[in-house]
Protein backbone atom coordinates (compact mmCIF):
# COMPACT_ATOMS: atom_id res chain seq x y z
CA MET A 1 -0.61 24.46 23.21
CA LYS A 2 2.38 26.83 22.52
CA GLU A 3 4.78 23.98 22.82
CA SER A 4 3.09 22.10 19.82
CA ARG A 5 3.83 24.86 17.39
CA PRO A 6 6.16 23.56 14.42
CA ILE A 7 9.90 23.78 13.79
CA GLY A 8 10.32 25.88 10.63
CA ILE A 9 13.18 24.92 8.19
CA PHE A 10 13.96 26.69 5.08
CA ASP A 11 16.30 25.88 2.29
CA SER A 12 17.08 27.08 -1.43
CA GLY A 13 15.74 23.62 -2.24
CA VAL A 14 15.85 20.00 -1.56
CA GLY A 15 19.05 19.64 0.22
CA GLY A 16 17.60 21.05 3.54
CA LEU A 17 15.90 17.78 3.83
CA THR A 18 19.19 16.32 5.33
CA VAL A 19 18.29 18.69 8.13
CA VAL A 20 14.97 17.47 8.35
CA ALA A 21 15.96 13.98 8.64
CA GLN A 22 18.50 14.94 11.34
CA VAL A 23 15.69 17.02 13.33
CA ARG A 24 13.27 13.99 13.11
CA ARG A 25 16.17 11.78 14.61
CA GLN A 26 17.16 14.24 17.27
CA LEU A 27 13.47 15.70 18.12
CA PRO A 28 11.08 12.93 17.13
CA LYS A 29 8.15 14.70 19.00
CA GLU A 30 8.36 17.69 17.01
CA ASN A 31 6.19 19.07 14.32
CA ILE A 32 7.89 20.43 11.11
CA VAL A 33 7.21 22.83 8.51
CA TYR A 34 9.67 22.86 5.73
CA PHE A 35 10.08 25.23 2.61
CA GLY A 36 12.20 24.74 -0.17
CA ASP A 37 12.69 27.69 -2.41
CA THR A 38 13.06 25.73 -5.73
CA ALA A 39 11.91 28.43 -8.02
CA ARG A 40 15.00 30.40 -7.17
CA VAL A 41 17.52 27.72 -6.48
CA PRO A 42 20.80 27.89 -6.41
CA TYR A 43 21.50 30.58 -3.79
CA GLY A 44 25.27 29.76 -4.09
CA THR A 45 25.71 32.06 -7.18
CA LYS A 46 23.90 35.04 -6.05
CA SER A 47 24.59 38.37 -4.28
CA ARG A 48 24.38 38.92 -0.46
CA GLU A 49 21.50 41.19 -1.03
CA THR A 50 19.54 38.94 -3.11
CA ILE A 51 20.16 36.00 -0.84
CA THR A 52 19.07 38.29 2.14
CA ARG A 53 15.99 39.36 0.50
CA PHE A 54 15.06 35.72 -0.43
CA SER A 55 15.76 34.45 3.04
CA VAL A 56 13.50 37.07 4.74
CA GLU A 57 10.59 36.15 2.29
CA ASN A 58 11.23 32.43 3.29
CA VAL A 59 10.90 33.22 6.98
CA GLU A 60 7.99 35.27 6.39
CA PHE A 61 6.36 32.26 4.84
CA LEU A 62 7.16 29.96 7.83
CA MET A 63 5.75 32.42 10.11
CA ARG A 64 2.52 32.30 8.50
CA HIS A 65 2.44 28.76 9.88
CA ASN A 66 3.16 29.87 13.26
CA VAL A 67 6.61 28.31 13.75
CA LYS A 68 8.42 28.65 17.18
CA ILE A 69 11.88 28.48 15.74
CA VAL A 70 13.51 28.76 12.29
CA ILE A 71 16.35 26.64 11.23
CA VAL A 72 18.36 28.09 8.12
CA ALA A 73 19.25 24.78 6.57
CA CYS A 74 20.98 26.69 3.82
CA ASN A 75 24.66 27.10 4.27
CA THR A 76 24.81 30.07 1.83
CA ALA A 77 21.96 31.77 3.57
CA SER A 78 23.54 31.02 7.01
CA SER A 79 26.79 32.53 5.78
CA LEU A 80 25.23 35.67 4.34
CA ALA A 81 21.69 36.54 5.86
CA LEU A 82 21.64 35.00 9.43
CA ASP A 83 22.49 38.13 11.45
CA PHE A 84 19.84 39.99 9.47
CA LEU A 85 17.08 37.43 9.85
CA LYS A 86 17.78 37.32 13.94
CA ARG A 87 17.22 41.05 13.96
CA CYS A 88 14.17 40.92 11.87
CA PHE A 89 12.11 38.18 13.67
CA LYS A 90 11.16 37.58 17.31
CA VAL A 91 11.47 33.77 17.06
CA PRO A 92 14.78 31.92 17.63
CA VAL A 93 16.55 31.83 14.21
CA VAL A 94 19.54 29.33 13.96
CA GLY A 95 21.87 28.54 11.02
CA VAL A 96 24.22 25.65 10.34
CA ILE A 97 27.41 27.63 10.29
CA ARG A 98 28.20 28.03 14.12
CA PRO A 99 27.23 24.49 15.07
CA GLY A 100 29.22 22.90 12.30
CA ALA A 101 32.33 25.06 12.91
CA ARG A 102 32.13 24.38 16.73
CA ARG A 103 32.00 20.64 16.38
CA ALA A 104 34.72 20.80 13.94
CA ALA A 105 36.92 22.87 16.34
CA GLY A 106 36.29 20.21 19.08
CA ALA A 107 37.20 17.46 16.72
CA THR A 108 40.53 18.50 15.28
CA LYS A 109 43.80 17.27 16.78
CA ASN A 110 46.26 19.07 14.70
CA ASN A 111 44.38 22.20 14.22
CA ARG A 112 44.01 21.89 10.43
CA VAL A 113 40.36 22.03 9.07
CA GLY A 114 38.80 21.87 5.85
CA ILE A 115 35.65 23.08 4.54
CA ILE A 116 33.77 22.36 1.39
CA GLY A 117 30.70 24.17 0.18
CA THR A 118 29.25 26.70 -2.63
CA ARG A 119 31.46 29.53 -3.89
CA ALA A 120 29.36 31.83 -1.78
CA THR A 121 29.72 29.98 1.36
CA ILE A 122 33.44 29.56 1.13
CA GLY A 123 33.89 33.14 -0.24
CA SER A 124 31.73 34.64 2.72
CA GLY A 125 34.38 33.49 5.23
CA ALA A 126 31.58 32.56 7.83
CA TYR A 127 33.07 29.24 8.75
CA GLN A 128 36.40 30.54 8.99
CA LYS A 129 35.37 33.26 11.25
CA GLU A 130 33.58 30.94 13.53
CA LEU A 131 36.42 28.31 13.71
CA LYS A 132 38.96 31.05 14.46
CA SER A 133 36.52 32.27 17.22
CA ALA A 134 36.24 28.85 18.68
CA ASN A 135 40.28 28.10 18.65
CA PRO A 136 42.37 31.02 17.09
CA LYS A 137 45.10 28.10 16.57
CA ILE A 138 43.14 26.53 13.82
CA THR A 139 44.35 26.97 10.14
CA VAL A 140 41.47 26.66 7.66
CA PHE A 141 41.33 25.46 4.13
CA GLY A 142 38.47 26.29 1.95
CA GLU A 143 37.17 24.64 -1.28
CA SER A 144 34.14 25.34 -3.34
CA CYS A 145 32.58 22.25 -4.96
CA PRO A 146 29.81 23.43 -7.40
CA LEU A 147 29.13 20.28 -9.14
CA PHE A 148 28.46 18.38 -5.98
CA VAL A 149 24.91 19.48 -5.96
CA PRO A 150 23.60 18.44 -9.52
CA LEU A 151 25.40 15.07 -8.91
CA VAL A 152 23.64 14.40 -5.68
CA GLU A 153 20.25 15.61 -7.28
CA GLU A 154 20.84 13.38 -10.15
CA GLY A 155 21.48 10.48 -7.82
CA TRP A 156 24.96 9.87 -9.21
CA LEU A 157 26.31 9.21 -5.70
CA ASP A 158 28.76 6.36 -6.04
CA SER A 159 29.40 6.74 -10.16
CA LYS A 160 32.91 6.81 -11.46
CA VAL A 161 32.28 10.42 -12.74
CA THR A 162 31.36 11.52 -9.19
CA GLY A 163 34.46 9.95 -7.97
CA GLU A 164 36.61 11.63 -10.27
CA ILE A 165 35.13 14.93 -9.72
CA ALA A 166 35.36 14.51 -5.85
CA PHE A 167 38.94 13.69 -6.34
CA GLY A 168 39.60 16.97 -8.26
CA TYR A 169 38.16 18.98 -5.69
CA LEU A 170 39.47 17.18 -2.61
CA LYS A 171 43.02 16.36 -3.57
CA GLY A 172 44.27 19.70 -2.54
CA LEU A 173 42.73 19.42 0.86
CA LYS A 174 44.15 16.05 1.37
CA ALA A 175 47.68 17.47 0.53
CA LYS A 176 47.23 20.06 3.38
CA ASP A 177 47.04 17.22 6.12
CA ILE A 178 43.66 18.22 7.48
CA ASP A 179 42.31 15.89 9.96
CA THR A 180 38.62 17.44 10.01
CA LEU A 181 36.39 18.31 7.06
CA ILE A 182 33.19 20.19 7.40
CA LEU A 183 30.62 19.24 4.72
CA GLY A 184 29.47 22.88 4.24
CA CYS A 185 26.36 22.08 2.07
CA THR A 186 23.26 20.30 2.89
CA HIS A 187 23.45 18.19 -0.11
CA TYR A 188 26.94 16.79 0.70
CA PRO A 189 26.33 14.36 3.34
CA LEU A 190 24.76 12.00 0.79
CA LEU A 191 28.30 11.89 -0.77
CA LYS A 192 29.94 10.81 2.51
CA PRO A 193 31.14 7.43 1.19
CA ALA A 194 32.90 8.94 -1.78
CA ILE A 195 34.50 11.79 0.30
CA GLU A 196 35.59 9.47 2.91
CA GLY A 197 37.14 7.10 0.31
CA ILE A 198 39.27 10.12 -0.82
CA MET A 199 40.12 11.63 2.50
CA GLY A 200 40.69 8.47 4.50
CA LYS A 201 39.10 7.27 7.52
CA THR A 202 41.50 9.22 9.75
CA VAL A 203 39.70 12.54 8.76
CA THR A 204 36.56 13.28 10.70
CA LEU A 205 33.57 14.51 8.32
CA VAL A 206 31.48 17.06 10.19
CA ASP A 207 27.82 17.01 9.07
CA SER A 208 26.30 20.57 9.95
CA ALA A 209 22.79 19.17 9.52
CA GLU A 210 23.46 16.82 12.59
CA GLU A 211 24.96 19.54 14.56
CA VAL A 212 22.03 22.27 13.78
CA ALA A 213 19.69 19.61 14.86
CA ILE A 214 21.44 19.26 18.39
CA GLU A 215 21.62 23.10 18.80
CA ALA A 216 17.76 23.48 17.99
CA ASP A 217 17.24 20.86 20.72
CA ARG A 218 19.28 23.05 23.26
CA ILE A 219 17.26 26.16 22.17
CA LEU A 220 13.89 24.66 22.54
CA ASP A 221 14.86 23.20 25.97
CA ALA A 222 16.30 26.71 27.09
CA HIS A 223 13.21 28.48 25.96
CA GLY A 224 10.94 25.92 27.34
CA ILE A 225 9.17 25.35 24.24
CA ALA A 226 10.02 21.88 23.46
CA ASN A 227 6.97 19.70 22.46
CA ARG A 228 6.16 17.29 25.27
CA SER A 229 2.97 15.87 23.45
CA ASN A 230 2.67 12.28 22.72
CA LYS A 231 0.58 12.99 19.75
CA LYS A 232 1.90 11.63 16.34
CA PRO A 233 3.87 14.79 14.70
CA PHE A 234 3.19 16.28 11.29
CA HIS A 235 5.68 17.02 8.70
CA LYS A 236 4.44 19.47 6.07
CA PHE A 237 6.62 20.24 2.99
CA PHE A 238 6.09 23.39 0.75
CA VAL A 239 8.12 24.50 -2.36
CA SER A 240 7.94 27.52 -4.64
CA ASP A 241 8.01 25.47 -7.75
CA ASP A 242 7.75 21.89 -9.20
CA PRO A 243 6.41 19.89 -6.12
CA LYS A 244 6.52 16.72 -8.06
CA HIS A 245 10.43 16.89 -8.87
CA PHE A 246 10.97 17.96 -5.07
CA MET A 247 9.07 14.88 -3.99
CA GLU A 248 11.16 12.40 -6.42
CA VAL A 249 14.47 13.71 -5.22
CA GLY A 250 13.59 14.61 -1.61
CA GLU A 251 12.77 10.96 -1.09
CA ARG A 252 16.39 10.18 -1.60
CA PHE A 253 17.40 12.67 1.24
CA LEU A 254 14.83 11.30 3.65
CA LYS A 255 15.26 7.72 2.58
CA GLN A 256 11.48 7.52 3.08
CA LYS A 257 8.26 8.37 1.18
CA ILE A 258 7.12 11.97 1.12
CA ARG A 259 3.28 11.59 0.76
CA CYS A 260 2.45 15.40 -0.04
CA VAL A 261 4.36 18.40 -1.26
CA LYS A 262 2.34 21.60 -1.52
CA PRO A 263 3.00 24.89 -3.64
CA SER A 264 3.72 27.84 -1.43
CA GLU A 265 0.60 29.96 -1.14
């Protein structure tokens, strides 16, 4: 049946599994095909043209699996390639930027919002644009945190080193009196305890992975293509390089075993 077609999700690597986890939670009946472009990670240091080319190739791979919607889990690709992808493909394509920005705009009380992400995401101005569109009165403060990704992938979530690095990145934002902080990278939700410990419990942390899952639910319902079957859903994982490493690291993101990861054809 048409409705049983899977949701396609891609990221530059393993971080998009935080989106998979939220989609599973929000949409438990949906089949999922995930592609991690592990051969070409990271995207955050590359040009717009390169990121767009990679993103098109990633969606083409997902389309070969007959997906009915594509979620661009990568914040960098969402920042720089989303509009082009929407023009290129007939299925709905949704990124993590707009849902996260709208959630933050609705959460802030003092109209002072921070964003942390890769250099490319922060430099693109995509979150800033969406926040201003939602509420022109918002003042936006961005901070790139390039060391967060390797710390997460090494599993150093609560080490002293991670705490010190996080403090170095976040102390400037804390001084800006923000009351809302967007976690603008799919890896960052795993660092929530460390980030919250520095920013304090009065600062709302916005997880774009959670918000994009809610947005995908809305889109599926609006298009009449939500899966209504009671059959057990499948979740397939593909990578462009090193399936074993992806499986080992990915289980920390999903908090459960990944039974099979296949190389992309």
